[in-house]
Amino acid sequence: MTVILQARPDREEELEGLLCDRAERTCRQPGALAYSVGRQDGGRFLMAEWYADRAAHEAHFAAPYVTELLARFPELLLSEVQVEIADTVGGFVR
């Protein structure tokens, strides 16, 4: 799964902290294989997430710390979240 987030100019640092906190929490979830947060100029964040299966993916999005962040997106983001989901057919995670 790939996610693109555009932070409001005055909320970039806050969003970065929240995303990094979620990455740390997600690493403890069963079935979470990889979770990466990147930041570009202009407050644009790119996230890549890999889960062992659809059940692990759904469990992640049902976790309270994720639903709480999703509920805050209207105040943190300048535009709609862009999400792409695909089944992995190749590549690697170290």
PDB file of N, CA and C in Angstrom:
ATOM      1  N   MET A   1       0.839  -1.167   0.000  1.00  0.00           N
ATOM      2  CA  MET A   1       0.000   0.000   0.000  1.00  0.00           C
ATOM      3  C   MET A   1       0.890   1.238   0.000  1.00  0.00           C
ATOM      4  N   THR A   2       0.555   2.196  -0.828  1.00  0.00           N
ATOM      5  CA  THR A   2       1.257   3.469  -0.874  1.00  0.00           C
ATOM      6  C   THR A   2       0.261   4.579  -0.548  1.00  0.00           C
ATOM      7  N   VAL A   3       0.695   5.526   0.290  1.00  0.00           N
ATOM      8  CA  VAL A   3      -0.174   6.621   0.724  1.00  0.00           C
ATOM      9  C   VAL A   3       0.562   7.937   0.514  1.00  0.00           C
ATOM     10  N   ILE A   4      -0.143   8.942  -0.002  1.00  0.00           N
ATOM     11  CA  ILE A   4       0.419  10.285  -0.169  1.00  0.00           C
ATOM     12  C   ILE A   4      -0.447  11.248   0.637  1.00  0.00           C
ATOM     13  N   LEU A   5       0.213  12.021   1.501  1.00  0.00           N
ATOM     14  CA  LEU A   5      -0.465  12.984   2.364  1.00  0.00           C
ATOM     15  C   LEU A   5       0.133  14.370   2.147  1.00  0.00           C
ATOM     16  N   GLN A   6      -0.703  15.372   2.034  1.00  0.00           N
ATOM     17  CA  GLN A   6      -0.249  16.755   1.912  1.00  0.00           C
ATOM     18  C   GLN A   6      -0.653  17.505   3.169  1.00  0.00           C
ATOM     19  N   ALA A   7       0.324  17.822   4.000  1.00  0.00           N
ATOM     20  CA  ALA A   7       0.053  18.494   5.274  1.00  0.00           C
ATOM     21  C   ALA A   7      -0.315  19.961   5.066  1.00  0.00           C
ATOM     22  N   ARG A   8      -1.129  20.473   5.953  1.00  0.00           N
ATOM     23  CA  ARG A   8      -1.360  21.922   5.992  1.00  0.00           C
ATOM     24  C   ARG A   8      -0.017  22.556   6.371  1.00  0.00           C
ATOM     25  N   PRO A   9       0.290  23.728   5.812  1.00  0.00           N
ATOM     26  CA  PRO A   9       1.609  24.330   6.060  1.00  0.00           C
ATOM     27  C   PRO A   9       1.961  24.503   7.536  1.00  0.00           C
ATOM     28  N   ASP A  10       0.996  24.791   8.360  1.00  0.00           N
ATOM     29  CA  ASP A  10       1.264  25.004   9.785  1.00  0.00           C
ATOM     30  C   ASP A  10       1.212  23.712  10.609  1.00  0.00           C
ATOM     31  N   ARG A  11       1.008  22.556   9.950  1.00  0.00           N
ATOM     32  CA  ARG A  11       0.867  21.279  10.669  1.00  0.00           C
ATOM     33  C   ARG A  11       1.885  20.228  10.230  1.00  0.00           C
ATOM     34  N   GLU A  12       2.875  20.622   9.425  1.00  0.00           N
ATOM     35  CA  GLU A  12       3.840  19.666   8.878  1.00  0.00           C
ATOM     36  C   GLU A  12       4.607  18.921   9.966  1.00  0.00           C
ATOM     37  N   GLU A  13       5.139  19.633  10.927  1.00  0.00           N
ATOM     38  CA  GLU A  13       5.937  18.999  11.981  1.00  0.00           C
ATOM     39  C   GLU A  13       5.077  18.079  12.839  1.00  0.00           C
ATOM     40  N   GLU A  14       3.864  18.528  13.144  1.00  0.00           N
ATOM     41  CA  GLU A  14       2.950  17.715  13.937  1.00  0.00           C
ATOM     42  C   GLU A  14       2.609  16.424  13.200  1.00  0.00           C
ATOM     43  N   LEU A  15       2.291  16.532  11.908  1.00  0.00           N
ATOM     44  CA  LEU A  15       1.961  15.347  11.129  1.00  0.00           C
ATOM     45  C   LEU A  15       3.146  14.389  11.061  1.00  0.00           C
ATOM     46  N   GLU A  16       4.334  14.919  10.855  1.00  0.00           N
ATOM     47  CA  GLU A  16       5.514  14.058  10.812  1.00  0.00           C
ATOM     48  C   GLU A  16       5.660  13.272  12.115  1.00  0.00           C
ATOM     49  N   GLY A  17       5.516  13.936  13.229  1.00  0.00           N
ATOM     50  CA  GLY A  17       5.619  13.262  14.516  1.00  0.00           C
ATOM     51  C   GLY A  17       4.565  12.175  14.687  1.00  0.00           C
ATOM     52  N   LEU A  18       3.349  12.467  14.280  1.00  0.00           N
ATOM     53  CA  LEU A  18       2.270  11.487  14.393  1.00  0.00           C
ATOM     54  C   LEU A  18       2.515  10.287  13.493  1.00  0.00           C
ATOM     55  N   LEU A  19       2.978  10.524  12.276  1.00  0.00           N
ATOM     56  CA  LEU A  19       3.246   9.417  11.349  1.00  0.00           C
ATOM     57  C   LEU A  19       4.389   8.541  11.847  1.00  0.00           C
ATOM     58  N   CYS A  20       5.427   9.151  12.371  1.00  0.00           N
ATOM     59  CA  CYS A  20       6.557   8.377  12.894  1.00  0.00           C
ATOM     60  C   CYS A  20       6.156   7.583  14.126  1.00  0.00           C
ATOM     61  N   ASP A  21       5.307   8.166  14.961  1.00  0.00           N
ATOM     62  CA  ASP A  21       4.792   7.443  16.120  1.00  0.00           C
ATOM     63  C   ASP A  21       3.995   6.225  15.665  1.00  0.00           C
ATOM     64  N   ARG A  22       3.178   6.382  14.636  1.00  0.00           N
ATOM     65  CA  ARG A  22       2.383   5.261  14.128  1.00  0.00           C
ATOM     66  C   ARG A  22       3.284   4.183  13.544  1.00  0.00           C
ATOM     67  N   ALA A  23       4.374   4.574  12.939  1.00  0.00           N
ATOM     68  CA  ALA A  23       5.324   3.585  12.405  1.00  0.00           C
ATOM     69  C   ALA A  23       5.895   2.739  13.538  1.00  0.00           C
ATOM     70  N   GLU A  24       6.266   3.384  14.639  1.00  0.00           N
ATOM     71  CA  GLU A  24       6.815   2.650  15.783  1.00  0.00           C
ATOM     72  C   GLU A  24       5.787   1.692  16.376  1.00  0.00           C
ATOM     73  N   ARG A  25       4.544   2.124  16.457  1.00  0.00           N
ATOM     74  CA  ARG A  25       3.493   1.254  17.004  1.00  0.00           C
ATOM     75  C   ARG A  25       3.178   0.105  16.059  1.00  0.00           C
ATOM     76  N   THR A  26       3.171   0.392  14.764  1.00  0.00           N
ATOM     77  CA  THR A  26       2.817  -0.626  13.780  1.00  0.00           C
ATOM     78  C   THR A  26       3.838  -1.754  13.746  1.00  0.00           C
ATOM     79  N   CYS A  27       5.093  -1.478  14.043  1.00  0.00           N
ATOM     80  CA  CYS A  27       6.111  -2.534  13.992  1.00  0.00           C
ATOM     81  C   CYS A  27       5.825  -3.626  15.016  1.00  0.00           C
ATOM     82  N   ARG A  28       4.997  -3.354  16.002  1.00  0.00           N
ATOM     83  CA  ARG A  28       4.644  -4.357  17.013  1.00  0.00           C
ATOM     84  C   ARG A  28       3.386  -5.150  16.650  1.00  0.00           C
ATOM     85  N   GLN A  29       2.752  -4.803  15.533  1.00  0.00           N
ATOM     86  CA  GLN A  29       1.532  -5.495  15.128  1.00  0.00           C
ATOM     87  C   GLN A  29       1.874  -6.801  14.402  1.00  0.00           C
ATOM     88  N   PRO A  30       1.203  -7.895  14.761  1.00  0.00           N
ATOM     89  CA  PRO A  30       1.401  -9.135  14.009  1.00  0.00           C
ATOM     90  C   PRO A  30       1.012  -8.925  12.546  1.00  0.00           C
ATOM     91  N   GLY A  31       1.815  -9.424  11.654  1.00  0.00           N
ATOM     92  CA  GLY A  31       1.511  -9.323  10.235  1.00  0.00           C
ATOM     93  C   GLY A  31       1.991  -8.055   9.565  1.00  0.00           C
ATOM     94  N   ALA A  32       2.499  -7.094  10.313  1.00  0.00           N
ATOM     95  CA  ALA A  32       3.066  -5.877   9.725  1.00  0.00           C
ATOM     96  C   ALA A  32       4.501  -6.196   9.311  1.00  0.00           C
ATOM     97  N   LEU A  33       4.781  -6.150   8.026  1.00  0.00           N
ATOM     98  CA  LEU A  33       6.093  -6.523   7.510  1.00  0.00           C
ATOM     99  C   LEU A  33       7.020  -5.330   7.322  1.00  0.00           C
ATOM    100  N   ALA A  34       6.474  -4.200   6.897  1.00  0.00           N
ATOM    101  CA  ALA A  34       7.293  -3.003   6.673  1.00  0.00           C
ATOM    102  C   ALA A  34       6.388  -1.780   6.689  1.00  0.00           C
ATOM    103  N   TYR A  35       6.973  -0.652   7.104  1.00  0.00           N
ATOM    104  CA  TYR A  35       6.217   0.599   7.195  1.00  0.00           C
ATOM    105  C   TYR A  35       7.235   1.714   7.064  1.00  0.00           C
ATOM    106  N   SER A  36       7.102   2.523   6.052  1.00  0.00           N
ATOM    107  CA  SER A  36       8.089   3.568   5.781  1.00  0.00           C
ATOM    108  C   SER A  36       7.385   4.912   5.622  1.00  0.00           C
ATOM    109  N   VAL A  37       7.960   5.946   6.238  1.00  0.00           N
ATOM    110  CA  VAL A  37       7.437   7.309   6.116  1.00  0.00           C
ATOM    111  C   VAL A  37       8.532   8.174   5.509  1.00  0.00           C
ATOM    112  N   GLY A  38       8.221   8.837   4.399  1.00  0.00           N
ATOM    113  CA  GLY A  38       9.171   9.756   3.770  1.00  0.00           C
ATOM    114  C   GLY A  38       8.566  11.139   3.693  1.00  0.00           C
ATOM    115  N   ARG A  39       9.423  12.149   3.696  1.00  0.00           N
ATOM    116  CA  ARG A  39       8.948  13.534   3.630  1.00  0.00           C
ATOM    117  C   ARG A  39       9.632  14.253   2.476  1.00  0.00           C
ATOM    118  N   GLN A  40       8.832  14.970   1.703  1.00  0.00           N
ATOM    119  CA  GLN A  40       9.340  15.794   0.615  1.00  0.00           C
ATOM    120  C   GLN A  40       9.172  17.263   0.986  1.00  0.00           C
ATOM    121  N   ASP A  41       9.827  18.122   0.227  1.00  0.00           N
ATOM    122  CA  ASP A  41       9.641  19.556   0.426  1.00  0.00           C
ATOM    123  C   ASP A  41       8.165  19.902   0.263  1.00  0.00           C
ATOM    124  N   GLY A  42       7.744  20.937   0.933  1.00  0.00           N
ATOM    125  CA  GLY A  42       6.364  21.396   0.804  1.00  0.00           C
ATOM    126  C   GLY A  42       5.361  20.632   1.647  1.00  0.00           C
ATOM    127  N   GLY A  43       5.845  19.832   2.612  1.00  0.00           N
ATOM    128  CA  GLY A  43       4.934  19.143   3.513  1.00  0.00           C
ATOM    129  C   GLY A  43       4.215  17.950   2.920  1.00  0.00           C
ATOM    130  N   ARG A  44       4.816  17.351   1.910  1.00  0.00           N
ATOM    131  CA  ARG A  44       4.232  16.160   1.282  1.00  0.00           C
ATOM    132  C   ARG A  44       4.895  14.922   1.889  1.00  0.00           C
ATOM    133  N   PHE A  45       4.058  13.983   2.339  1.00  0.00           N
ATOM    134  CA  PHE A  45       4.547  12.757   2.966  1.00  0.00           C
ATOM    135  C   PHE A  45       4.172  11.555   2.121  1.00  0.00           C
ATOM    136  N   LEU A  46       5.118  10.645   1.967  1.00  0.00           N
ATOM    137  CA  LEU A  46       4.895   9.401   1.239  1.00  0.00           C
ATOM    138  C   LEU A  46       5.054   8.254   2.224  1.00  0.00           C
ATOM    139  N   MET A  47       4.113   7.359   2.208  1.00  0.00           N
ATOM    140  CA  MET A  47       4.180   6.206   3.105  1.00  0.00           C
ATOM    141  C   MET A  47       4.040   4.933   2.282  1.00  0.00           C
ATOM    142  N   ALA A  48       4.800   3.922   2.671  1.00  0.00           N
ATOM    143  CA  ALA A  48       4.680   2.599   2.073  1.00  0.00           C
ATOM    144  C   ALA A  48       4.488   1.603   3.204  1.00  0.00           C
ATOM    145  N   GLU A  49       3.494   0.758   3.061  1.00  0.00           N
ATOM    146  CA  GLU A  49       3.163  -0.205   4.108  1.00  0.00           C
ATOM    147  C   GLU A  49       2.999  -1.586   3.480  1.00  0.00           C
ATOM    148  N   TRP A  50       3.542  -2.599   4.147  1.00  0.00           N
ATOM    149  CA  TRP A  50       3.407  -3.980   3.679  1.00  0.00           C
ATOM    150  C   TRP A  50       2.886  -4.820   4.832  1.00  0.00           C
ATOM    151  N   TYR A  51       1.913  -5.663   4.534  1.00  0.00           N
ATOM    152  CA  TYR A  51       1.323  -6.558   5.522  1.00  0.00           C
ATOM    153  C   TYR A  51       1.349  -7.983   4.990  1.00  0.00           C
ATOM    154  N   ALA A  52       1.380  -8.948   5.904  1.00  0.00           N
ATOM    155  CA  ALA A  52       1.472 -10.354   5.519  1.00  0.00           C
ATOM    156  C   ALA A  52       0.264 -10.806   4.701  1.00  0.00           C
ATOM    157  N   ASP A  53      -0.896 -10.245   5.009  1.00  0.00           N
ATOM    158  CA  ASP A  53      -2.110 -10.631   4.301  1.00  0.00           C
ATOM    159  C   ASP A  53      -3.186  -9.566   4.527  1.00  0.00           C
ATOM    160  N   ARG A  54      -4.323  -9.761   3.921  1.00  0.00           N
ATOM    161  CA  ARG A  54      -5.429  -8.797   4.008  1.00  0.00           C
ATOM    162  C   ARG A  54      -5.912  -8.656   5.461  1.00  0.00           C
ATOM    163  N   ALA A  55      -5.912  -9.749   6.210  1.00  0.00           N
ATOM    164  CA  ALA A  55      -6.363  -9.690   7.610  1.00  0.00           C
ATOM    165  C   ALA A  55      -5.453  -8.791   8.442  1.00  0.00           C
ATOM    166  N   ALA A  56      -4.150  -8.877   8.224  1.00  0.00           N
ATOM    167  CA  ALA A  56      -3.203  -8.012   8.950  1.00  0.00           C
ATOM    168  C   ALA A  56      -3.412  -6.557   8.558  1.00  0.00           C
ATOM    169  N   HIS A  57      -3.666  -6.313   7.290  1.00  0.00           N
ATOM    170  CA  HIS A  57      -3.940  -4.958   6.791  1.00  0.00           C
ATOM    171  C   HIS A  57      -5.196  -4.398   7.452  1.00  0.00           C
ATOM    172  N   GLU A  58      -6.248  -5.195   7.503  1.00  0.00           N
ATOM    173  CA  GLU A  58      -7.501  -4.749   8.114  1.00  0.00           C
ATOM    174  C   GLU A  58      -7.348  -4.538   9.621  1.00  0.00           C
ATOM    175  N   ALA A  59      -6.570  -5.397  10.273  1.00  0.00           N
ATOM    176  CA  ALA A  59      -6.329  -5.235  11.714  1.00  0.00           C
ATOM    177  C   ALA A  59      -5.598  -3.932  11.999  1.00  0.00           C
ATOM    178  N   HIS A  60      -4.666  -3.568  11.127  1.00  0.00           N
ATOM    179  CA  HIS A  60      -3.941  -2.308  11.292  1.00  0.00           C
ATOM    180  C   HIS A  60      -4.911  -1.131  11.271  1.00  0.00           C
ATOM    181  N   PHE A  61      -5.795  -1.108  10.285  1.00  0.00           N
ATOM    182  CA  PHE A  61      -6.709   0.020  10.157  1.00  0.00           C
ATOM    183  C   PHE A  61      -7.812   0.021  11.209  1.00  0.00           C
ATOM    184  N   ALA A  62      -7.985  -1.083  11.916  1.00  0.00           N
ATOM    185  CA  ALA A  62      -8.954  -1.136  13.012  1.00  0.00           C
ATOM    186  C   ALA A  62      -8.324  -0.758  14.355  1.00  0.00           C
ATOM    187  N   ALA A  63      -7.000  -0.668  14.402  1.00  0.00           N
ATOM    188  CA  ALA A  63      -6.309  -0.339  15.654  1.00  0.00           C
ATOM    189  C   ALA A  63      -6.683   1.075  16.103  1.00  0.00           C
ATOM    190  N   PRO A  64      -6.942   1.265  17.393  1.00  0.00           N
ATOM    191  CA  PRO A  64      -7.353   2.589  17.889  1.00  0.00           C
ATOM    192  C   PRO A  64      -6.374   3.710  17.539  1.00  0.00           C
ATOM    193  N   TYR A  65      -5.066   3.456  17.589  1.00  0.00           N
ATOM    194  CA  TYR A  65      -4.122   4.526  17.285  1.00  0.00           C
ATOM    195  C   TYR A  65      -4.179   4.943  15.818  1.00  0.00           C
ATOM    196  N   VAL A  66      -4.645   4.050  14.948  1.00  0.00           N
ATOM    197  CA  VAL A  66      -4.806   4.397  13.532  1.00  0.00           C
ATOM    198  C   VAL A  66      -6.117   5.143  13.321  1.00  0.00           C
ATOM    199  N   THR A  67      -7.199   4.652  13.899  1.00  0.00           N
ATOM    200  CA  THR A  67      -8.484   5.328  13.715  1.00  0.00           C
ATOM    201  C   THR A  67      -8.462   6.737  14.295  1.00  0.00           C
ATOM    202  N   GLU A  68      -7.733   6.928  15.398  1.00  0.00           N
ATOM    203  CA  GLU A  68      -7.606   8.269  15.985  1.00  0.00           C
ATOM    204  C   GLU A  68      -6.893   9.222  15.027  1.00  0.00           C
ATOM    205  N   LEU A  69      -5.829   8.748  14.385  1.00  0.00           N
ATOM    206  CA  LEU A  69      -5.111   9.596  13.429  1.00  0.00           C
ATOM    207  C   LEU A  69      -5.983   9.895  12.215  1.00  0.00           C
ATOM    208  N   LEU A  70      -6.664   8.889  11.691  1.00  0.00           N
ATOM    209  CA  LEU A  70      -7.527   9.103  10.534  1.00  0.00           C
ATOM    210  C   LEU A  70      -8.599  10.156  10.830  1.00  0.00           C
ATOM    211  N   ALA A  71      -9.118  10.157  12.030  1.00  0.00           N
ATOM    212  CA  ALA A  71     -10.138  11.132  12.421  1.00  0.00           C
ATOM    213  C   ALA A  71      -9.582  12.552  12.445  1.00  0.00           C
ATOM    214  N   ARG A  72      -8.271  12.682  12.630  1.00  0.00           N
ATOM    215  CA  ARG A  72      -7.634  14.008  12.688  1.00  0.00           C
ATOM    216  C   ARG A  72      -7.202  14.517  11.320  1.00  0.00           C
ATOM    217  N   PHE A  73      -7.261  13.695  10.288  1.00  0.00           N
ATOM    218  CA  PHE A  73      -6.795  14.110   8.970  1.00  0.00           C
ATOM    219  C   PHE A  73      -7.427  15.414   8.474  1.00  0.00           C
ATOM    220  N   PRO A  74      -8.716  15.664   8.667  1.00  0.00           N
ATOM    221  CA  PRO A  74      -9.275  16.930   8.172  1.00  0.00           C
ATOM    222  C   PRO A  74      -8.573  18.172   8.724  1.00  0.00           C
ATOM    223  N   GLU A  75      -8.111  18.123   9.962  1.00  0.00           N
ATOM    224  CA  GLU A  75      -7.430  19.279  10.543  1.00  0.00           C
ATOM    225  C   GLU A  75      -5.946  19.330  10.180  1.00  0.00           C
ATOM    226  N   LEU A  76      -5.373  18.202   9.792  1.00  0.00           N
ATOM    227  CA  LEU A  76      -3.938  18.115   9.516  1.00  0.00           C
ATOM    228  C   LEU A  76      -3.578  18.233   8.042  1.00  0.00           C
ATOM    229  N   LEU A  77      -4.505  17.851   7.160  1.00  0.00           N
ATOM    230  CA  LEU A  77      -4.187  17.743   5.741  1.00  0.00           C
ATOM    231  C   LEU A  77      -4.816  18.852   4.909  1.00  0.00           C
ATOM    232  N   LEU A  78      -4.109  19.200   3.860  1.00  0.00           N
ATOM    233  CA  LEU A  78      -4.553  20.228   2.926  1.00  0.00           C
ATOM    234  C   LEU A  78      -5.480  19.659   1.857  1.00  0.00           C
ATOM    235  N   SER A  79      -5.326  18.370   1.551  1.00  0.00           N
ATOM    236  CA  SER A  79      -6.117  17.745   0.499  1.00  0.00           C
ATOM    237  C   SER A  79      -6.437  16.301   0.878  1.00  0.00           C
ATOM    238  N   GLU A  80      -7.234  15.654   0.052  1.00  0.00           N
ATOM    239  CA  GLU A  80      -7.622  14.264   0.289  1.00  0.00           C
ATOM    240  C   GLU A  80      -6.409  13.341   0.260  1.00  0.00           C
ATOM    241  N   VAL A  81      -6.471  12.293   1.044  1.00  0.00           N
ATOM    242  CA  VAL A  81      -5.430  11.279   1.063  1.00  0.00           C
ATOM    243  C   VAL A  81      -5.479  10.499  -0.246  1.00  0.00           C
ATOM    244  N   GLN A  82      -4.310  10.224  -0.810  1.00  0.00           N
ATOM    245  CA  GLN A  82      -4.207   9.384  -2.000  1.00  0.00           C
ATOM    246  C   GLN A  82      -3.695   8.014  -1.561  1.00  0.00           C
ATOM    247  N   VAL A  83      -4.441   6.964  -1.882  1.00  0.00           N
ATOM    248  CA  VAL A  83      -4.081   5.604  -1.460  1.00  0.00           C
ATOM    249  C   VAL A  83      -4.087   4.686  -2.674  1.00  0.00           C
ATOM    250  N   GLU A  84      -3.051   3.878  -2.781  1.00  0.00           N
ATOM    251  CA  GLU A  84      -2.965   2.834  -3.802  1.00  0.00           C
ATOM    252  C   GLU A  84      -2.690   1.528  -3.089  1.00  0.00           C
ATOM    253  N   ILE A  85      -3.485   0.506  -3.379  1.00  0.00           N
ATOM    254  CA  ILE A  85      -3.301  -0.810  -2.769  1.00  0.00           C
ATOM    255  C   ILE A  85      -3.055  -1.823  -3.876  1.00  0.00           C
ATOM    256  N   ALA A  86      -2.057  -2.671  -3.666  1.00  0.00           N
ATOM    257  CA  ALA A  86      -1.741  -3.708  -4.638  1.00  0.00           C
ATOM    258  C   ALA A  86      -1.257  -4.953  -3.928  1.00  0.00           C
ATOM    259  N   ASP A  87      -1.412  -6.088  -4.577  1.00  0.00           N
ATOM    260  CA  ASP A  87      -0.833  -7.326  -4.076  1.00  0.00           C
ATOM    261  C   ASP A  87       0.601  -7.380  -4.544  1.00  0.00           C
ATOM    262  N   THR A  88       1.505  -7.742  -3.648  1.00  0.00           N
ATOM    263  CA  THR A  88       2.922  -7.812  -3.975  1.00  0.00           C
ATOM    264  C   THR A  88       3.171  -9.017  -4.893  1.00  0.00           C
ATOM    265  N   VAL A  89       3.859  -8.762  -5.989  1.00  0.00           N
ATOM    266  CA  VAL A  89       4.197  -9.843  -6.928  1.00  0.00           C
ATOM    267  C   VAL A  89       5.702  -9.986  -7.084  1.00  0.00           C
ATOM    268  N   GLY A  90       6.471  -9.092  -6.488  1.00  0.00           N
ATOM    269  CA  GLY A  90       7.920  -9.166  -6.561  1.00  0.00           C
ATOM    270  C   GLY A  90       8.543  -8.133  -5.660  1.00  0.00           C
ATOM    271  N   GLY A  91       9.867  -8.201  -5.503  1.00  0.00           N
ATOM    272  CA  GLY A  91      10.603  -7.242  -4.692  1.00  0.00           C
ATOM    273  C   GLY A  91      11.077  -7.859  -3.389  1.00  0.00           C
ATOM    274  N   PHE A  92      11.500  -7.010  -2.448  1.00  0.00           N
ATOM    275  CA  PHE A  92      11.988  -7.504  -1.174  1.00  0.00           C
ATOM    276  C   PHE A  92      11.893  -6.441  -0.099  1.00  0.00           C
ATOM    277  N   VAL A  93      11.934  -6.892   1.147  1.00  0.00           N
ATOM    278  CA  VAL A  93      12.023  -6.030   2.321  1.00  0.00           C
ATOM    279  C   VAL A  93      13.099  -6.628   3.190  1.00  0.00           C
ATOM    280  N   ARG A  94      14.052  -5.828   3.623  1.00  0.00           N
ATOM    281  CA  ARG A  94      15.125  -6.354   4.488  1.00  0.00           C
ATOM    282  C   ARG A  94      14.799  -6.109   5.933  1.00  0.00           C
TER     283      ARG A  94
END
